[in-house]
């Protein structure tokens, strides 16, 4: 990770504002889901991408009974 020279404070409701130019450059829209990861003294905020429950691929995934499965694994399951 690299610093981008922006320091933000948490507001009274526990929120942090991501600057518009950062949201635009990373194609972040209102209501996009994010995942939070914690490692010792760091918090990582990552745009959420559903992945296949079998192979962890994020390519060509679809929901099936509340599970996410990619097209390749669906083909393998049909064999």
PDB file of N, CA and C in Angstrom:
ATOM      1  N   UNK A   1       0.850  -1.179   0.000  1.00  0.00           N
ATOM      2  CA  UNK A   1       0.000   0.000   0.000  1.00  0.00           C
ATOM      3  C   UNK A   1       0.888   1.233   0.000  1.00  0.00           C
ATOM      4  N   UNK A   2       0.394   2.270  -0.649  1.00  0.00           N
ATOM      5  CA  UNK A   2       1.146   3.517  -0.680  1.00  0.00           C
ATOM      6  C   UNK A   2       0.290   4.653  -0.131  1.00  0.00           C
ATOM      7  N   UNK A   3       0.894   5.567   0.610  1.00  0.00           N
ATOM      8  CA  UNK A   3       0.132   6.717   1.112  1.00  0.00           C
ATOM      9  C   UNK A   3      -0.213   7.659  -0.030  1.00  0.00           C
ATOM     10  N   UNK A   4      -1.385   8.315   0.089  1.00  0.00           N
ATOM     11  CA  UNK A   4      -1.796   9.253  -0.961  1.00  0.00           C
ATOM     12  C   UNK A   4      -1.821  10.691  -0.457  1.00  0.00           C
ATOM     13  N   UNK A   5      -1.350  10.910   0.757  1.00  0.00           N
ATOM     14  CA  UNK A   5      -1.230  12.268   1.274  1.00  0.00           C
ATOM     15  C   UNK A   5      -2.521  12.891   1.758  1.00  0.00           C
ATOM     16  N   UNK A   6      -3.521  12.059   2.052  1.00  0.00           N
ATOM     17  CA  UNK A   6      -4.798  12.567   2.552  1.00  0.00           C
ATOM     18  C   UNK A   6      -5.014  12.021   3.960  1.00  0.00           C
ATOM     19  N   UNK A   7      -5.298  12.913   4.899  1.00  0.00           N
ATOM     20  CA  UNK A   7      -5.601  12.517   6.275  1.00  0.00           C
ATOM     21  C   UNK A   7      -7.041  12.899   6.548  1.00  0.00           C
ATOM     22  N   UNK A   8      -7.835  11.961   7.033  1.00  0.00           N
ATOM     23  CA  UNK A   8      -9.251  12.207   7.326  1.00  0.00           C
ATOM     24  C   UNK A   8      -9.535  11.878   8.779  1.00  0.00           C
ATOM     25  N   UNK A   9     -10.545  12.522   9.318  1.00  0.00           N
ATOM     26  CA  UNK A   9     -11.000  12.245  10.682  1.00  0.00           C
ATOM     27  C   UNK A   9     -12.338  11.513  10.632  1.00  0.00           C
ATOM     28  N   UNK A  10     -12.599  10.744  11.660  1.00  0.00           N
ATOM     29  CA  UNK A  10     -13.886  10.061  11.804  1.00  0.00           C
ATOM     30  C   UNK A  10     -14.867  11.054  12.405  1.00  0.00           C
ATOM     31  N   UNK A  11     -16.066  11.158  11.818  1.00  0.00           N
ATOM     32  CA  UNK A  11     -17.064  12.101  12.347  1.00  0.00           C
ATOM     33  C   UNK A  11     -17.785  11.504  13.550  1.00  0.00           C
ATOM     34  N   UNK A  12     -18.728  12.262  14.108  1.00  0.00           N
ATOM     35  CA  UNK A  12     -19.451  11.837  15.316  1.00  0.00           C
ATOM     36  C   UNK A  12     -20.242  10.554  15.127  1.00  0.00           C
ATOM     37  N   UNK A  13     -20.573  10.209  13.879  1.00  0.00           N
ATOM     38  CA  UNK A  13     -21.329   8.986  13.606  1.00  0.00           C
ATOM     39  C   UNK A  13     -20.425   7.821  13.192  1.00  0.00           C
ATOM     40  N   UNK A  14     -19.094   8.024  13.280  1.00  0.00           N
ATOM     41  CA  UNK A  14     -18.149   6.962  12.959  1.00  0.00           C
ATOM     42  C   UNK A  14     -17.849   6.831  11.476  1.00  0.00           C
ATOM     43  N   UNK A  15     -18.122   7.855  10.688  1.00  0.00           N
ATOM     44  CA  UNK A  15     -17.928   7.791   9.239  1.00  0.00           C
ATOM     45  C   UNK A  15     -16.628   8.480   8.826  1.00  0.00           C
ATOM     46  N   UNK A  16     -16.090   8.011   7.700  1.00  0.00           N
ATOM     47  CA  UNK A  16     -14.938   8.649   7.066  1.00  0.00           C
ATOM     48  C   UNK A  16     -15.359   8.984   5.640  1.00  0.00           C
ATOM     49  N   UNK A  17     -15.142  10.218   5.225  1.00  0.00           N
ATOM     50  CA  UNK A  17     -15.495  10.641   3.879  1.00  0.00           C
ATOM     51  C   UNK A  17     -14.350  10.329   2.920  1.00  0.00           C
ATOM     52  N   UNK A  18     -14.658   9.607   1.838  1.00  0.00           N
ATOM     53  CA  UNK A  18     -13.674   9.378   0.786  1.00  0.00           C
ATOM     54  C   UNK A  18     -13.806  10.521  -0.218  1.00  0.00           C
ATOM     55  N   UNK A  19     -12.715  11.208  -0.519  1.00  0.00           N
ATOM     56  CA  UNK A  19     -12.785  12.353  -1.440  1.00  0.00           C
ATOM     57  C   UNK A  19     -13.339  11.949  -2.807  1.00  0.00           C
ATOM     58  N   UNK A  20     -14.064  12.854  -3.440  1.00  0.00           N
ATOM     59  CA  UNK A  20     -14.712  12.578  -4.719  1.00  0.00           C
ATOM     60  C   UNK A  20     -13.720  12.152  -5.796  1.00  0.00           C
ATOM     61  N   UNK A  21     -12.565  12.820  -5.874  1.00  0.00           N
ATOM     62  CA  UNK A  21     -11.604  12.441  -6.911  1.00  0.00           C
ATOM     63  C   UNK A  21     -11.077  11.013  -6.704  1.00  0.00           C
ATOM     64  N   UNK A  22     -10.964  10.578  -5.449  1.00  0.00           N
ATOM     65  CA  UNK A  22     -10.558   9.206  -5.155  1.00  0.00           C
ATOM     66  C   UNK A  22     -11.667   8.233  -5.544  1.00  0.00           C
ATOM     67  N   UNK A  23     -12.921   8.566  -5.177  1.00  0.00           N
ATOM     68  CA  UNK A  23     -14.058   7.705  -5.559  1.00  0.00           C
ATOM     69  C   UNK A  23     -14.165   7.599  -7.068  1.00  0.00           C
ATOM     70  N   UNK A  24     -14.015   8.712  -7.764  1.00  0.00           N
ATOM     71  CA  UNK A  24     -14.106   8.705  -9.229  1.00  0.00           C
ATOM     72  C   UNK A  24     -12.990   7.866  -9.843  1.00  0.00           C
ATOM     73  N   UNK A  25     -11.768   8.030  -9.361  1.00  0.00           N
ATOM     74  CA  UNK A  25     -10.638   7.307  -9.947  1.00  0.00           C
ATOM     75  C   UNK A  25     -10.734   5.798  -9.703  1.00  0.00           C
ATOM     76  N   UNK A  26     -11.426   5.404  -8.633  1.00  0.00           N
ATOM     77  CA  UNK A  26     -11.561   3.979  -8.320  1.00  0.00           C
ATOM     78  C   UNK A  26     -12.943   3.432  -8.695  1.00  0.00           C
ATOM     79  N   UNK A  27     -13.723   4.249  -9.428  1.00  0.00           N
ATOM     80  CA  UNK A  27     -15.060   3.847  -9.901  1.00  0.00           C
ATOM     81  C   UNK A  27     -15.953   3.375  -8.752  1.00  0.00           C
ATOM     82  N   UNK A  28     -15.950   4.142  -7.659  1.00  0.00           N
ATOM     83  CA  UNK A  28     -16.769   3.845  -6.489  1.00  0.00           C
ATOM     84  C   UNK A  28     -18.042   4.674  -6.584  1.00  0.00           C
ATOM     85  N   UNK A  29     -19.185   3.983  -6.515  1.00  0.00           N
ATOM     86  CA  UNK A  29     -20.481   4.657  -6.580  1.00  0.00           C
ATOM     87  C   UNK A  29     -21.182   4.565  -5.228  1.00  0.00           C
ATOM     88  N   UNK A  30     -22.181   5.412  -5.039  1.00  0.00           N
ATOM     89  CA  UNK A  30     -23.000   5.357  -3.835  1.00  0.00           C
ATOM     90  C   UNK A  30     -23.596   3.968  -3.699  1.00  0.00           C
ATOM     91  N   UNK A  31     -23.606   3.425  -2.525  1.00  0.00           N
ATOM     92  CA  UNK A  31     -24.158   2.111  -2.188  1.00  0.00           C
ATOM     93  C   UNK A  31     -23.308   0.930  -2.661  1.00  0.00           C
ATOM     94  N   UNK A  32     -22.089   1.166  -3.187  1.00  0.00           N
ATOM     95  CA  UNK A  32     -21.207   0.045  -3.505  1.00  0.00           C
ATOM     96  C   UNK A  32     -20.829  -0.670  -2.204  1.00  0.00           C
ATOM     97  N   UNK A  33     -20.858  -2.002  -2.199  1.00  0.00           N
ATOM     98  CA  UNK A  33     -20.477  -2.730  -0.980  1.00  0.00           C
ATOM     99  C   UNK A  33     -18.963  -2.796  -0.813  1.00  0.00           C
ATOM    100  N   UNK A  34     -18.512  -2.784   0.434  1.00  0.00           N
ATOM    101  CA  UNK A  34     -17.095  -2.875   0.767  1.00  0.00           C
ATOM    102  C   UNK A  34     -16.883  -3.916   1.847  1.00  0.00           C
ATOM    103  N   UNK A  35     -15.685  -4.477   1.869  1.00  0.00           N
ATOM    104  CA  UNK A  35     -15.281  -5.401   2.924  1.00  0.00           C
ATOM    105  C   UNK A  35     -14.243  -4.700   3.787  1.00  0.00           C
ATOM    106  N   UNK A  36     -14.241  -5.017   5.064  1.00  0.00           N
ATOM    107  CA  UNK A  36     -13.235  -4.491   5.989  1.00  0.00           C
ATOM    108  C   UNK A  36     -12.339  -5.636   6.428  1.00  0.00           C
ATOM    109  N   UNK A  37     -11.031  -5.382   6.395  1.00  0.00           N
ATOM    110  CA  UNK A  37     -10.047  -6.353   6.864  1.00  0.00           C
ATOM    111  C   UNK A  37      -9.224  -5.688   7.954  1.00  0.00           C
ATOM    112  N   UNK A  38      -8.859  -6.438   8.977  1.00  0.00           N
ATOM    113  CA  UNK A  38      -8.074  -5.908  10.087  1.00  0.00           C
ATOM    114  C   UNK A  38      -6.799  -6.729  10.222  1.00  0.00           C
ATOM    115  N   UNK A  39      -5.664  -6.022  10.361  1.00  0.00           N
ATOM    116  CA  UNK A  39      -4.366  -6.665  10.552  1.00  0.00           C
ATOM    117  C   UNK A  39      -3.576  -5.831  11.547  1.00  0.00           C
ATOM    118  N   UNK A  40      -3.425  -6.317  12.743  1.00  0.00           N
ATOM    119  CA  UNK A  40      -2.743  -5.603  13.826  1.00  0.00           C
ATOM    120  C   UNK A  40      -3.300  -4.191  13.973  1.00  0.00           C
ATOM    121  N   UNK A  41      -2.564  -3.161  13.549  1.00  0.00           N
ATOM    122  CA  UNK A  41      -3.004  -1.771  13.717  1.00  0.00           C
ATOM    123  C   UNK A  41      -3.537  -1.161  12.433  1.00  0.00           C
ATOM    124  N   UNK A  42      -3.864  -1.986  11.442  1.00  0.00           N
ATOM    125  CA  UNK A  42      -4.326  -1.463  10.154  1.00  0.00           C
ATOM    126  C   UNK A  42      -5.741  -1.930   9.851  1.00  0.00           C
ATOM    127  N   UNK A  43      -6.475  -1.070   9.150  1.00  0.00           N
ATOM    128  CA  UNK A  43      -7.799  -1.417   8.635  1.00  0.00           C
ATOM    129  C   UNK A  43      -7.733  -1.228   7.129  1.00  0.00           C
ATOM    130  N   UNK A  44      -8.111  -2.264   6.385  1.00  0.00           N
ATOM    131  CA  UNK A  44      -8.118  -2.197   4.927  1.00  0.00           C
ATOM    132  C   UNK A  44      -9.559  -2.204   4.464  1.00  0.00           C
ATOM    133  N   UNK A  45      -9.888  -1.259   3.632  1.00  0.00           N
ATOM    134  CA  UNK A  45     -11.222  -1.126   3.054  1.00  0.00           C
ATOM    135  C   UNK A  45     -11.106  -1.533   1.597  1.00  0.00           C
ATOM    136  N   UNK A  46     -11.849  -2.575   1.188  1.00  0.00           N
ATOM    137  CA  UNK A  46     -11.721  -3.104  -0.166  1.00  0.00           C
ATOM    138  C   UNK A  46     -13.102  -3.233  -0.799  1.00  0.00           C
ATOM    139  N   UNK A  47     -13.207  -2.770  -2.043  1.00  0.00           N
ATOM    140  CA  UNK A  47     -14.468  -2.892  -2.765  1.00  0.00           C
ATOM    141  C   UNK A  47     -14.822  -4.378  -2.862  1.00  0.00           C
ATOM    142  N   UNK A  48     -16.047  -4.712  -2.491  1.00  0.00           N
ATOM    143  CA  UNK A  48     -16.473  -6.108  -2.436  1.00  0.00           C
ATOM    144  C   UNK A  48     -16.746  -6.657  -3.831  1.00  0.00           C
ATOM    145  N   UNK A  49     -16.198  -7.820  -4.103  1.00  0.00           N
ATOM    146  CA  UNK A  49     -16.496  -8.546  -5.336  1.00  0.00           C
ATOM    147  C   UNK A  49     -16.852  -9.965  -4.935  1.00  0.00           C
ATOM    148  N   UNK A  50     -18.055 -10.408  -5.268  1.00  0.00           N
ATOM    149  CA  UNK A  50     -18.421 -11.786  -4.936  1.00  0.00           C
ATOM    150  C   UNK A  50     -17.483 -12.762  -5.636  1.00  0.00           C
ATOM    151  N   UNK A  51     -17.148 -13.850  -4.964  1.00  0.00           N
ATOM    152  CA  UNK A  51     -16.265 -14.846  -5.561  1.00  0.00           C
ATOM    153  C   UNK A  51     -16.870 -16.236  -5.413  1.00  0.00           C
ATOM    154  N   UNK A  52     -16.416 -17.119  -6.259  1.00  0.00           N
ATOM    155  CA  UNK A  52     -16.907 -18.495  -6.292  1.00  0.00           C
ATOM    156  C   UNK A  52     -16.569 -19.214  -4.987  1.00  0.00           C
ATOM    157  N   UNK A  53     -17.525 -19.951  -4.446  1.00  0.00           N
ATOM    158  CA  UNK A  53     -17.298 -20.672  -3.185  1.00  0.00           C
ATOM    159  C   UNK A  53     -16.323 -21.831  -3.361  1.00  0.00           C
ATOM    160  N   UNK A  54     -16.105 -22.276  -4.592  1.00  0.00           N
ATOM    161  CA  UNK A  54     -15.216 -23.405  -4.835  1.00  0.00           C
ATOM    162  C   UNK A  54     -13.790 -22.975  -5.177  1.00  0.00           C
ATOM    163  N   UNK A  55     -13.639 -22.006  -6.101  1.00  0.00           N
ATOM    164  CA  UNK A  55     -12.294 -21.668  -6.596  1.00  0.00           C
ATOM    165  C   UNK A  55     -11.879 -20.223  -6.310  1.00  0.00           C
ATOM    166  N   UNK A  56     -12.759 -19.439  -5.716  1.00  0.00           N
ATOM    167  CA  UNK A  56     -12.509 -18.024  -5.382  1.00  0.00           C
ATOM    168  C   UNK A  56     -12.401 -17.099  -6.586  1.00  0.00           C
ATOM    169  N   UNK A  57     -12.746 -17.556  -7.773  1.00  0.00           N
ATOM    170  CA  UNK A  57     -12.730 -16.700  -8.955  1.00  0.00           C
ATOM    171  C   UNK A  57     -13.801 -15.614  -8.818  1.00  0.00           C
ATOM    172  N   UNK A  58     -13.491 -14.431  -9.354  1.00  0.00           N
ATOM    173  CA  UNK A  58     -14.477 -13.347  -9.368  1.00  0.00           C
ATOM    174  C   UNK A  58     -15.027 -13.138 -10.777  1.00  0.00           C
ATOM    175  N   UNK A  59     -14.574 -13.965 -11.716  1.00  0.00           N
ATOM    176  CA  UNK A  59     -14.999 -13.858 -13.110  1.00  0.00           C
ATOM    177  C   UNK A  59     -16.275 -14.648 -13.362  1.00  0.00           C
ATOM    178  N   UNK A  60     -17.246 -14.027 -14.002  1.00  0.00           N
ATOM    179  CA  UNK A  60     -18.470 -14.690 -14.464  1.00  0.00           C
ATOM    180  C   UNK A  60     -19.162 -15.496 -13.349  1.00  0.00           C
ATOM    181  N   UNK A  61     -19.405 -14.832 -12.199  1.00  0.00           N
ATOM    182  CA  UNK A  61     -20.049 -15.510 -11.075  1.00  0.00           C
ATOM    183  C   UNK A  61     -21.549 -15.251 -11.081  1.00  0.00           C
ATOM    184  N   UNK A  62     -22.297 -16.194 -10.534  1.00  0.00           N
ATOM    185  CA  UNK A  62     -23.747 -16.060 -10.397  1.00  0.00           C
ATOM    186  C   UNK A  62     -24.196 -16.658  -9.077  1.00  0.00           C
ATOM    187  N   UNK A  63     -25.346 -16.190  -8.627  1.00  0.00           N
ATOM    188  CA  UNK A  63     -25.921 -16.693  -7.375  1.00  0.00           C
ATOM    189  C   UNK A  63     -26.727 -17.954  -7.632  1.00  0.00           C
ATOM    190  N   UNK A  64     -26.576 -18.929  -6.725  1.00  0.00           N
ATOM    191  CA  UNK A  64     -27.381 -20.141  -6.748  1.00  0.00           C
ATOM    192  C   UNK A  64     -27.682 -20.513  -5.310  1.00  0.00           C
ATOM    193  N   UNK A  65     -28.940 -20.406  -4.905  1.00  0.00           N
ATOM    194  CA  UNK A  65     -29.369 -20.705  -3.530  1.00  0.00           C
ATOM    195  C   UNK A  65     -28.464 -20.029  -2.496  1.00  0.00           C
ATOM    196  N   UNK A  66     -28.327 -18.713  -2.615  1.00  0.00           N
ATOM    197  CA  UNK A  66     -27.534 -17.888  -1.700  1.00  0.00           C
ATOM    198  C   UNK A  66     -26.044 -18.184  -1.718  1.00  0.00           C
ATOM    199  N   UNK A  67     -25.560 -18.896  -2.717  1.00  0.00           N
ATOM    200  CA  UNK A  67     -24.135 -19.173  -2.875  1.00  0.00           C
ATOM    201  C   UNK A  67     -23.687 -18.577  -4.207  1.00  0.00           C
ATOM    202  N   UNK A  68     -22.422 -18.215  -4.291  1.00  0.00           N
ATOM    203  CA  UNK A  68     -21.877 -17.661  -5.518  1.00  0.00           C
ATOM    204  C   UNK A  68     -20.987 -18.708  -6.177  1.00  0.00           C
ATOM    205  N   UNK A  69     -21.254 -18.977  -7.451  1.00  0.00           N
ATOM    206  CA  UNK A  69     -20.518 -20.006  -8.186  1.00  0.00           C
ATOM    207  C   UNK A  69     -20.141 -19.439  -9.556  1.00  0.00           C
ATOM    208  N   UNK A  70     -18.901 -19.725  -9.998  1.00  0.00           N
ATOM    209  CA  UNK A  70     -18.465 -19.231 -11.309  1.00  0.00           C
ATOM    210  C   UNK A  70     -18.897 -20.202 -12.407  1.00  0.00           C
ATOM    211  N   UNK A  71     -18.865 -19.724 -13.642  1.00  0.00           N
ATOM    212  CA  UNK A  71     -19.307 -20.521 -14.797  1.00  0.00           C
ATOM    213  C   UNK A  71     -18.461 -21.778 -14.965  1.00  0.00           C
ATOM    214  N   UNK A  72     -17.153 -21.678 -14.722  1.00  0.00           N
ATOM    215  CA  UNK A  72     -16.290 -22.863 -14.864  1.00  0.00           C
ATOM    216  C   UNK A  72     -16.663 -23.963 -13.873  1.00  0.00           C
ATOM    217  N   UNK A  73     -16.934 -23.599 -12.637  1.00  0.00           N
ATOM    218  CA  UNK A  73     -17.296 -24.598 -11.634  1.00  0.00           C
ATOM    219  C   UNK A  73     -18.673 -25.180 -11.919  1.00  0.00           C
ATOM    220  N   UNK A  74     -19.579 -24.376 -12.459  1.00  0.00           N
ATOM    221  CA  UNK A  74     -20.901 -24.888 -12.839  1.00  0.00           C
ATOM    222  C   UNK A  74     -20.745 -25.957 -13.925  1.00  0.00           C
ATOM    223  N   UNK A  75     -19.853 -25.691 -14.897  1.00  0.00           N
ATOM    224  CA  UNK A  75     -19.596 -26.682 -15.958  1.00  0.00           C
ATOM    225  C   UNK A  75     -19.050 -27.981 -15.365  1.00  0.00           C
ATOM    226  N   UNK A  76     -18.098 -27.851 -14.421  1.00  0.00           N
ATOM    227  CA  UNK A  76     -17.519 -29.037 -13.792  1.00  0.00           C
ATOM    228  C   UNK A  76     -18.564 -29.817 -13.000  1.00  0.00           C
ATOM    229  N   UNK A  77     -19.477 -29.111 -12.362  1.00  0.00           N
ATOM    230  CA  UNK A  77     -20.518 -29.779 -11.586  1.00  0.00           C
ATOM    231  C   UNK A  77     -21.480 -30.566 -12.495  1.00  0.00           C
ATOM    232  N   UNK A  78     -21.636 -30.119 -13.728  1.00  0.00           N
ATOM    233  CA  UNK A  78     -22.536 -30.795 -14.654  1.00  0.00           C
ATOM    234  C   UNK A  78     -21.940 -32.069 -15.236  1.00  0.00           C
ATOM    235  N   UNK A  79     -20.651 -32.275 -15.076  1.00  0.00           N
ATOM    236  CA  UNK A  79     -19.992 -33.470 -15.620  1.00  0.00           C
ATOM    237  C   UNK A  79     -20.351 -34.697 -14.852  1.00  0.00           C
TER     238      UNK A  79
END
